[in-house]
């Protein structure tokens, strides 16, 4: 359990707080929930049985790459993190 907490802290620090100038507790309380939502709803992590797929993906289907004009970006934390997804 301690290793899980250490990994989370290291990930949050490397991907979020090392790249954002946090100017106080109030600012940190605004930044961390946005990052947590991105982290928990993004792609798969090592905790998902070392799978590289998102939990709802079918293991037998590999989608073709989307054309560039059909890719959408959703900026998180003012563009610090940018997950990309095919447009619907």
PDB file of N, CA and C in Angstrom:
ATOM      1  N   UNK A   1       0.831  -1.184   0.000  1.00  0.00           N
ATOM      2  CA  UNK A   1       0.000   0.000   0.000  1.00  0.00           C
ATOM      3  C   UNK A   1       0.878   1.252   0.000  1.00  0.00           C
ATOM      4  N   UNK A   2       1.946   1.242   0.743  1.00  0.00           N
ATOM      5  CA  UNK A   2       2.841   2.391   0.776  1.00  0.00           C
ATOM      6  C   UNK A   2       3.459   2.621  -0.602  1.00  0.00           C
ATOM      7  N   UNK A   3       3.757   1.538  -1.317  1.00  0.00           N
ATOM      8  CA  UNK A   3       4.332   1.680  -2.656  1.00  0.00           C
ATOM      9  C   UNK A   3       3.334   2.331  -3.601  1.00  0.00           C
ATOM     10  N   UNK A   4       2.050   2.002  -3.459  1.00  0.00           N
ATOM     11  CA  UNK A   4       1.019   2.614  -4.302  1.00  0.00           C
ATOM     12  C   UNK A   4       0.935   4.118  -4.044  1.00  0.00           C
ATOM     13  N   UNK A   5       0.968   4.495  -2.785  1.00  0.00           N
ATOM     14  CA  UNK A   5       0.915   5.920  -2.436  1.00  0.00           C
ATOM     15  C   UNK A   5       2.148   6.649  -2.958  1.00  0.00           C
ATOM     16  N   UNK A   6       3.314   6.032  -2.835  1.00  0.00           N
ATOM     17  CA  UNK A   6       4.545   6.655  -3.329  1.00  0.00           C
ATOM     18  C   UNK A   6       4.499   6.820  -4.838  1.00  0.00           C
ATOM     19  N   UNK A   7       3.966   5.831  -5.542  1.00  0.00           N
ATOM     20  CA  UNK A   7       3.861   5.915  -6.999  1.00  0.00           C
ATOM     21  C   UNK A   7       2.912   7.039  -7.404  1.00  0.00           C
ATOM     22  N   UNK A   8       1.777   7.142  -6.709  1.00  0.00           N
ATOM     23  CA  UNK A   8       0.826   8.205  -7.018  1.00  0.00           C
ATOM     24  C   UNK A   8       1.444   9.576  -6.791  1.00  0.00           C
ATOM     25  N   UNK A   9       2.105   9.755  -5.681  1.00  0.00           N
ATOM     26  CA  UNK A   9       2.735  11.042  -5.381  1.00  0.00           C
ATOM     27  C   UNK A   9       3.793  11.368  -6.430  1.00  0.00           C
ATOM     28  N   UNK A  10       4.590  10.379  -6.811  1.00  0.00           N
ATOM     29  CA  UNK A  10       5.629  10.607  -7.821  1.00  0.00           C
ATOM     30  C   UNK A  10       5.007  10.981  -9.166  1.00  0.00           C
ATOM     31  N   UNK A  11       3.906  10.310  -9.536  1.00  0.00           N
ATOM     32  CA  UNK A  11       3.246  10.601 -10.801  1.00  0.00           C
ATOM     33  C   UNK A  11       2.621  11.988 -10.796  1.00  0.00           C
ATOM     34  N   UNK A  12       1.927  12.336  -9.716  1.00  0.00           N
ATOM     35  CA  UNK A  12       1.316  13.664  -9.619  1.00  0.00           C
ATOM     36  C   UNK A  12       2.395  14.736  -9.680  1.00  0.00           C
ATOM     37  N   UNK A  13       3.471  14.491  -9.007  1.00  0.00           N
ATOM     38  CA  UNK A  13       4.548  15.489  -9.005  1.00  0.00           C
ATOM     39  C   UNK A  13       5.169  15.632 -10.389  1.00  0.00           C
ATOM     40  N   UNK A  14       5.483  14.512 -11.037  1.00  0.00           N
ATOM     41  CA  UNK A  14       6.150  14.567 -12.338  1.00  0.00           C
ATOM     42  C   UNK A  14       5.251  15.142 -13.423  1.00  0.00           C
ATOM     43  N   UNK A  15       3.967  14.770 -13.416  1.00  0.00           N
ATOM     44  CA  UNK A  15       3.083  15.176 -14.499  1.00  0.00           C
ATOM     45  C   UNK A  15       2.305  16.454 -14.222  1.00  0.00           C
ATOM     46  N   UNK A  16       2.235  16.867 -12.969  1.00  0.00           N
ATOM     47  CA  UNK A  16       1.368  18.000 -12.650  1.00  0.00           C
ATOM     48  C   UNK A  16       2.103  19.103 -11.895  1.00  0.00           C
ATOM     49  N   UNK A  17       2.432  18.861 -10.652  1.00  0.00           N
ATOM     50  CA  UNK A  17       2.917  19.963  -9.817  1.00  0.00           C
ATOM     51  C   UNK A  17       4.317  20.447 -10.186  1.00  0.00           C
ATOM     52  N   UNK A  18       5.128  19.629 -10.847  1.00  0.00           N
ATOM     53  CA  UNK A  18       6.436  20.119 -11.299  1.00  0.00           C
ATOM     54  C   UNK A  18       6.294  21.049 -12.501  1.00  0.00           C
ATOM     55  N   UNK A  19       5.119  21.056 -13.139  1.00  0.00           N
ATOM     56  CA  UNK A  19       4.903  21.870 -14.333  1.00  0.00           C
ATOM     57  C   UNK A  19       3.990  23.057 -14.087  1.00  0.00           C
ATOM     58  N   UNK A  20       3.425  23.145 -12.896  1.00  0.00           N
ATOM     59  CA  UNK A  20       2.507  24.230 -12.559  1.00  0.00           C
ATOM     60  C   UNK A  20       3.086  24.990 -11.375  1.00  0.00           C
ATOM     61  N   UNK A  21       3.107  26.288 -11.476  1.00  0.00           N
ATOM     62  CA  UNK A  21       3.533  27.105 -10.355  1.00  0.00           C
ATOM     63  C   UNK A  21       2.333  27.267  -9.428  1.00  0.00           C
ATOM     64  N   UNK A  22       2.297  26.471  -8.368  1.00  0.00           N
ATOM     65  CA  UNK A  22       1.189  26.507  -7.420  1.00  0.00           C
ATOM     66  C   UNK A  22       1.434  27.676  -6.472  1.00  0.00           C
ATOM     67  N   UNK A  23       0.454  28.576  -6.402  1.00  0.00           N
ATOM     68  CA  UNK A  23       0.658  29.808  -5.639  1.00  0.00           C
ATOM     69  C   UNK A  23      -0.042  29.808  -4.286  1.00  0.00           C
ATOM     70  N   UNK A  24      -0.540  28.668  -3.889  1.00  0.00           N
ATOM     71  CA  UNK A  24      -1.160  28.588  -2.572  1.00  0.00           C
ATOM     72  C   UNK A  24      -2.050  27.365  -2.455  1.00  0.00           C
ATOM     73  N   UNK A  25      -2.561  27.159  -1.257  1.00  0.00           N
ATOM     74  CA  UNK A  25      -3.399  25.988  -1.009  1.00  0.00           C
ATOM     75  C   UNK A  25      -4.672  26.026  -1.852  1.00  0.00           C
ATOM     76  N   UNK A  26      -5.276  27.198  -1.974  1.00  0.00           N
ATOM     77  CA  UNK A  26      -6.503  27.318  -2.765  1.00  0.00           C
ATOM     78  C   UNK A  26      -6.255  26.929  -4.222  1.00  0.00           C
ATOM     79  N   UNK A  27      -5.144  27.370  -4.778  1.00  0.00           N
ATOM     80  CA  UNK A  27      -4.791  27.025  -6.153  1.00  0.00           C
ATOM     81  C   UNK A  27      -4.541  25.524  -6.283  1.00  0.00           C
ATOM     82  N   UNK A  28      -3.831  24.953  -5.319  1.00  0.00           N
ATOM     83  CA  UNK A  28      -3.569  23.509  -5.334  1.00  0.00           C
ATOM     84  C   UNK A  28      -4.871  22.720  -5.275  1.00  0.00           C
ATOM     85  N   UNK A  29      -5.813  23.187  -4.460  1.00  0.00           N
ATOM     86  CA  UNK A  29      -7.108  22.509  -4.353  1.00  0.00           C
ATOM     87  C   UNK A  29      -7.924  22.628  -5.650  1.00  0.00           C
ATOM     88  N   UNK A  30      -7.621  23.586  -6.490  1.00  0.00           N
ATOM     89  CA  UNK A  30      -8.272  23.696  -7.792  1.00  0.00           C
ATOM     90  C   UNK A  30      -7.578  22.832  -8.842  1.00  0.00           C
ATOM     91  N   UNK A  31      -6.259  22.713  -8.753  1.00  0.00           N
ATOM     92  CA  UNK A  31      -5.475  21.969  -9.745  1.00  0.00           C
ATOM     93  C   UNK A  31      -5.605  20.457  -9.553  1.00  0.00           C
ATOM     94  N   UNK A  32      -5.478  19.974  -8.334  1.00  0.00           N
ATOM     95  CA  UNK A  32      -5.447  18.526  -8.096  1.00  0.00           C
ATOM     96  C   UNK A  32      -6.710  17.789  -8.529  1.00  0.00           C
ATOM     97  N   UNK A  33      -7.928  18.305  -8.300  1.00  0.00           N
ATOM     98  CA  UNK A  33      -9.101  17.563  -8.786  1.00  0.00           C
ATOM     99  C   UNK A  33      -9.141  17.436 -10.310  1.00  0.00           C
ATOM    100  N   UNK A  34      -8.704  18.467 -11.019  1.00  0.00           N
ATOM    101  CA  UNK A  34      -8.667  18.376 -12.480  1.00  0.00           C
ATOM    102  C   UNK A  34      -7.682  17.311 -12.925  1.00  0.00           C
ATOM    103  N   UNK A  35      -6.513  17.287 -12.289  1.00  0.00           N
ATOM    104  CA  UNK A  35      -5.524  16.278 -12.656  1.00  0.00           C
ATOM    105  C   UNK A  35      -6.024  14.881 -12.287  1.00  0.00           C
ATOM    106  N   UNK A  36      -6.638  14.736 -11.114  1.00  0.00           N
ATOM    107  CA  UNK A  36      -7.144  13.426 -10.680  1.00  0.00           C
ATOM    108  C   UNK A  36      -8.201  12.907 -11.650  1.00  0.00           C
ATOM    109  N   UNK A  37      -9.079  13.792 -12.124  1.00  0.00           N
ATOM    110  CA  UNK A  37     -10.096  13.364 -13.095  1.00  0.00           C
ATOM    111  C   UNK A  37      -9.435  12.885 -14.382  1.00  0.00           C
ATOM    112  N   UNK A  38      -8.456  13.628 -14.862  1.00  0.00           N
ATOM    113  CA  UNK A  38      -7.724  13.213 -16.065  1.00  0.00           C
ATOM    114  C   UNK A  38      -7.031  11.869 -15.844  1.00  0.00           C
ATOM    115  N   UNK A  39      -6.361  11.715 -14.721  1.00  0.00           N
ATOM    116  CA  UNK A  39      -5.608  10.500 -14.435  1.00  0.00           C
ATOM    117  C   UNK A  39      -6.529   9.289 -14.325  1.00  0.00           C
ATOM    118  N   UNK A  40      -7.668   9.452 -13.667  1.00  0.00           N
ATOM    119  CA  UNK A  40      -8.566   8.325 -13.428  1.00  0.00           C
ATOM    120  C   UNK A  40      -9.445   7.974 -14.615  1.00  0.00           C
ATOM    121  N   UNK A  41      -9.655   8.893 -15.543  1.00  0.00           N
ATOM    122  CA  UNK A  41     -10.508   8.600 -16.688  1.00  0.00           C
ATOM    123  C   UNK A  41      -9.717   8.471 -17.979  1.00  0.00           C
ATOM    124  N   UNK A  42      -8.414   8.645 -17.921  1.00  0.00           N
ATOM    125  CA  UNK A  42      -7.582   8.556 -19.117  1.00  0.00           C
ATOM    126  C   UNK A  42      -7.378   7.114 -19.540  1.00  0.00           C
ATOM    127  N   UNK A  43      -6.247   6.835 -20.121  1.00  0.00           N
ATOM    128  CA  UNK A  43      -5.937   5.483 -20.578  1.00  0.00           C
ATOM    129  C   UNK A  43      -5.651   4.543 -19.426  1.00  0.00           C
ATOM    130  N   UNK A  44      -5.206   3.376 -19.769  1.00  0.00           N
ATOM    131  CA  UNK A  44      -4.930   2.381 -18.737  1.00  0.00           C
ATOM    132  C   UNK A  44      -3.626   2.719 -18.024  1.00  0.00           C
ATOM    133  N   UNK A  45      -3.471   2.167 -16.838  1.00  0.00           N
ATOM    134  CA  UNK A  45      -2.290   2.351 -16.023  1.00  0.00           C
ATOM    135  C   UNK A  45      -1.750   0.986 -15.654  1.00  0.00           C
ATOM    136  N   UNK A  46      -0.610   0.926 -15.023  1.00  0.00           N
ATOM    137  CA  UNK A  46      -0.048  -0.360 -14.625  1.00  0.00           C
ATOM    138  C   UNK A  46      -0.987  -1.146 -13.727  1.00  0.00           C
ATOM    139  N   UNK A  47      -1.833  -0.484 -12.985  1.00  0.00           N
ATOM    140  CA  UNK A  47      -2.733  -1.163 -12.067  1.00  0.00           C
ATOM    141  C   UNK A  47      -3.795  -1.998 -12.744  1.00  0.00           C
ATOM    142  N   UNK A  48      -3.973  -1.849 -14.052  1.00  0.00           N
ATOM    143  CA  UNK A  48      -4.975  -2.617 -14.786  1.00  0.00           C
ATOM    144  C   UNK A  48      -4.360  -3.885 -15.350  1.00  0.00           C
ATOM    145  N   UNK A  49      -3.787  -4.691 -14.508  1.00  0.00           N
ATOM    146  CA  UNK A  49      -3.184  -5.972 -14.899  1.00  0.00           C
ATOM    147  C   UNK A  49      -2.135  -5.818 -15.993  1.00  0.00           C
ATOM    148  N   UNK A  50      -1.413  -4.694 -15.958  1.00  0.00           N
ATOM    149  CA  UNK A  50      -0.340  -4.415 -16.917  1.00  0.00           C
ATOM    150  C   UNK A  50      -0.850  -4.343 -18.356  1.00  0.00           C
ATOM    151  N   UNK A  51      -2.147  -4.111 -18.537  1.00  0.00           N
ATOM    152  CA  UNK A  51      -2.729  -4.013 -19.863  1.00  0.00           C
ATOM    153  C   UNK A  51      -2.503  -2.607 -20.406  1.00  0.00           C
ATOM    154  N   UNK A  52      -2.302  -2.486 -21.696  1.00  0.00           N
ATOM    155  CA  UNK A  52      -2.091  -1.181 -22.305  1.00  0.00           C
ATOM    156  C   UNK A  52      -3.381  -0.592 -22.850  1.00  0.00           C
ATOM    157  N   UNK A  53      -4.501  -1.253 -22.619  1.00  0.00           N
ATOM    158  CA  UNK A  53      -5.784  -0.774 -23.116  1.00  0.00           C
ATOM    159  C   UNK A  53      -6.594  -0.166 -21.989  1.00  0.00           C
ATOM    160  N   UNK A  54      -7.518   0.695 -22.367  1.00  0.00           N
ATOM    161  CA  UNK A  54      -8.461   1.232 -21.390  1.00  0.00           C
ATOM    162  C   UNK A  54      -9.379   0.104 -20.927  1.00  0.00           C
ATOM    163  N   UNK A  55      -9.940   0.186 -19.742  1.00  0.00           N
ATOM    164  CA  UNK A  55     -10.733  -0.918 -19.192  1.00  0.00           C
ATOM    165  C   UNK A  55     -11.899  -1.361 -20.063  1.00  0.00           C
ATOM    166  N   UNK A  56     -12.526  -0.452 -20.836  1.00  0.00           N
ATOM    167  CA  UNK A  56     -13.697  -0.821 -21.638  1.00  0.00           C
ATOM    168  C   UNK A  56     -13.352  -1.253 -23.056  1.00  0.00           C
ATOM    169  N   UNK A  57     -12.095  -1.236 -23.435  1.00  0.00           N
ATOM    170  CA  UNK A  57     -11.703  -1.605 -24.792  1.00  0.00           C
ATOM    171  C   UNK A  57     -11.789  -3.116 -24.989  1.00  0.00           C
ATOM    172  N   UNK A  58     -12.222  -3.505 -26.179  1.00  0.00           N
ATOM    173  CA  UNK A  58     -12.233  -4.925 -26.525  1.00  0.00           C
ATOM    174  C   UNK A  58     -10.797  -5.368 -26.815  1.00  0.00           C
ATOM    175  N   UNK A  59     -10.360  -6.500 -26.270  1.00  0.00           N
ATOM    176  CA  UNK A  59      -8.975  -6.927 -26.507  1.00  0.00           C
ATOM    177  C   UNK A  59      -8.736  -7.413 -27.928  1.00  0.00           C
ATOM    178  N   UNK A  60      -9.811  -7.654 -28.712  1.00  0.00           N
ATOM    179  CA  UNK A  60      -9.665  -8.210 -30.057  1.00  0.00           C
ATOM    180  C   UNK A  60      -9.770  -7.171 -31.166  1.00  0.00           C
ATOM    181  N   UNK A  61      -9.942  -5.906 -30.814  1.00  0.00           N
ATOM    182  CA  UNK A  61     -10.137  -4.875 -31.834  1.00  0.00           C
ATOM    183  C   UNK A  61      -9.080  -3.793 -31.683  1.00  0.00           C
ATOM    184  N   UNK A  62      -8.387  -3.516 -32.769  1.00  0.00           N
ATOM    185  CA  UNK A  62      -7.429  -2.410 -32.813  1.00  0.00           C
ATOM    186  C   UNK A  62      -7.993  -1.395 -33.795  1.00  0.00           C
ATOM    187  N   UNK A  63      -8.433  -0.221 -33.317  1.00  0.00           N
ATOM    188  CA  UNK A  63      -9.042   0.751 -34.229  1.00  0.00           C
ATOM    189  C   UNK A  63      -7.993   1.351 -35.168  1.00  0.00           C
ATOM    190  N   UNK A  64      -8.397   1.625 -36.414  1.00  0.00           N
ATOM    191  CA  UNK A  64      -7.454   2.280 -37.334  1.00  0.00           C
ATOM    192  C   UNK A  64      -7.200   3.714 -36.877  1.00  0.00           C
ATOM    193  N   UNK A  65      -6.058   4.278 -37.238  1.00  0.00           N
ATOM    194  CA  UNK A  65      -5.793   5.665 -36.847  1.00  0.00           C
ATOM    195  C   UNK A  65      -6.781   6.605 -37.524  1.00  0.00           C
ATOM    196  N   UNK A  66      -7.182   7.618 -36.798  1.00  0.00           N
ATOM    197  CA  UNK A  66      -8.121   8.609 -37.339  1.00  0.00           C
ATOM    198  C   UNK A  66      -7.357   9.619 -38.190  1.00  0.00           C
ATOM    199  N   UNK A  67      -7.992  10.132 -39.256  1.00  0.00           N
ATOM    200  CA  UNK A  67      -7.351  11.202 -40.027  1.00  0.00           C
ATOM    201  C   UNK A  67      -7.142  12.428 -39.136  1.00  0.00           C
ATOM    202  N   UNK A  68      -6.153  13.217 -39.466  1.00  0.00           N
ATOM    203  CA  UNK A  68      -5.785  14.366 -38.624  1.00  0.00           C
ATOM    204  C   UNK A  68      -6.942  15.325 -38.396  1.00  0.00           C
ATOM    205  N   UNK A  69      -7.804  15.519 -39.386  1.00  0.00           N
ATOM    206  CA  UNK A  69      -8.914  16.461 -39.219  1.00  0.00           C
ATOM    207  C   UNK A  69     -10.022  15.903 -38.323  1.00  0.00           C
ATOM    208  N   UNK A  70      -9.944  14.635 -37.959  1.00  0.00           N
ATOM    209  CA  UNK A  70     -10.968  14.029 -37.103  1.00  0.00           C
ATOM    210  C   UNK A  70     -10.448  13.750 -35.692  1.00  0.00           C
ATOM    211  N   UNK A  71      -9.352  14.358 -35.316  1.00  0.00           N
ATOM    212  CA  UNK A  71      -8.802  14.180 -33.977  1.00  0.00           C
ATOM    213  C   UNK A  71      -9.135  15.415 -33.146  1.00  0.00           C
ATOM    214  N   UNK A  72      -9.636  15.183 -31.951  1.00  0.00           N
ATOM    215  CA  UNK A  72     -10.006  16.277 -31.060  1.00  0.00           C
ATOM    216  C   UNK A  72      -9.114  16.278 -29.832  1.00  0.00           C
ATOM    217  N   UNK A  73      -8.754  17.475 -29.401  1.00  0.00           N
ATOM    218  CA  UNK A  73      -7.913  17.658 -28.216  1.00  0.00           C
ATOM    219  C   UNK A  73      -8.760  18.253 -27.114  1.00  0.00           C
ATOM    220  N   UNK A  74      -8.604  17.731 -25.902  1.00  0.00           N
ATOM    221  CA  UNK A  74      -9.316  18.272 -24.746  1.00  0.00           C
ATOM    222  C   UNK A  74      -8.274  18.781 -23.758  1.00  0.00           C
ATOM    223  N   UNK A  75      -8.016  20.099 -23.758  1.00  0.00           N
ATOM    224  CA  UNK A  75      -7.005  20.632 -22.848  1.00  0.00           C
ATOM    225  C   UNK A  75      -7.426  20.458 -21.385  1.00  0.00           C
ATOM    226  N   UNK A  76      -6.498  20.001 -20.569  1.00  0.00           N
ATOM    227  CA  UNK A  76      -6.697  19.864 -19.131  1.00  0.00           C
ATOM    228  C   UNK A  76      -5.660  20.753 -18.454  1.00  0.00           C
ATOM    229  N   UNK A  77      -6.053  21.424 -17.401  1.00  0.00           N
ATOM    230  CA  UNK A  77      -5.166  22.325 -16.663  1.00  0.00           C
ATOM    231  C   UNK A  77      -4.585  23.403 -17.575  1.00  0.00           C
ATOM    232  N   UNK A  78      -5.456  24.018 -18.366  1.00  0.00           N
ATOM    233  CA  UNK A  78      -5.036  25.117 -19.227  1.00  0.00           C
ATOM    234  C   UNK A  78      -4.108  24.693 -20.347  1.00  0.00           C
ATOM    235  N   UNK A  79      -4.180  23.446 -20.790  1.00  0.00           N
ATOM    236  CA  UNK A  79      -3.337  22.955 -21.869  1.00  0.00           C
ATOM    237  C   UNK A  79      -2.069  22.276 -21.409  1.00  0.00           C
ATOM    238  N   UNK A  80      -1.865  22.142 -20.106  1.00  0.00           N
ATOM    239  CA  UNK A  80      -0.695  21.443 -19.601  1.00  0.00           C
ATOM    240  C   UNK A  80      -0.721  19.977 -20.010  1.00  0.00           C
ATOM    241  N   UNK A  81      -1.908  19.389 -19.963  1.00  0.00           N
ATOM    242  CA  UNK A  81      -2.115  18.010 -20.384  1.00  0.00           C
ATOM    243  C   UNK A  81      -3.122  18.061 -21.528  1.00  0.00           C
ATOM    244  N   UNK A  82      -2.860  17.315 -22.593  1.00  0.00           N
ATOM    245  CA  UNK A  82      -3.725  17.335 -23.764  1.00  0.00           C
ATOM    246  C   UNK A  82      -4.049  15.928 -24.225  1.00  0.00           C
ATOM    247  N   UNK A  83      -5.132  15.331 -23.709  1.00  0.00           N
ATOM    248  CA  UNK A  83      -5.521  14.019 -24.240  1.00  0.00           C
ATOM    249  C   UNK A  83      -6.167  14.184 -25.618  1.00  0.00           C
ATOM    250  N   UNK A  84      -5.859  13.283 -26.527  1.00  0.00           N
ATOM    251  CA  UNK A  84      -6.395  13.318 -27.886  1.00  0.00           C
ATOM    252  C   UNK A  84      -7.301  12.128 -28.086  1.00  0.00           C
ATOM    253  N   UNK A  85      -8.429  12.352 -28.791  1.00  0.00           N
ATOM    254  CA  UNK A  85      -9.385  11.285 -29.077  1.00  0.00           C
ATOM    255  C   UNK A  85      -9.935  11.502 -30.485  1.00  0.00           C
ATOM    256  N   UNK A  86     -10.345  10.415 -31.158  1.00  0.00           N
ATOM    257  CA  UNK A  86     -11.012  10.595 -32.453  1.00  0.00           C
ATOM    258  C   UNK A  86     -12.340  11.326 -32.260  1.00  0.00           C
ATOM    259  N   UNK A  87     -12.696  12.175 -33.205  1.00  0.00           N
ATOM    260  CA  UNK A  87     -13.977  12.893 -33.131  1.00  0.00           C
ATOM    261  C   UNK A  87     -15.115  11.907 -33.356  1.00  0.00           C
ATOM    262  N   UNK A  88     -16.241  12.183 -32.748  1.00  0.00           N
ATOM    263  CA  UNK A  88     -17.412  11.295 -32.882  1.00  0.00           C
ATOM    264  C   UNK A  88     -18.066  11.439 -34.233  1.00  0.00           C
TER     265      UNK A  88
END
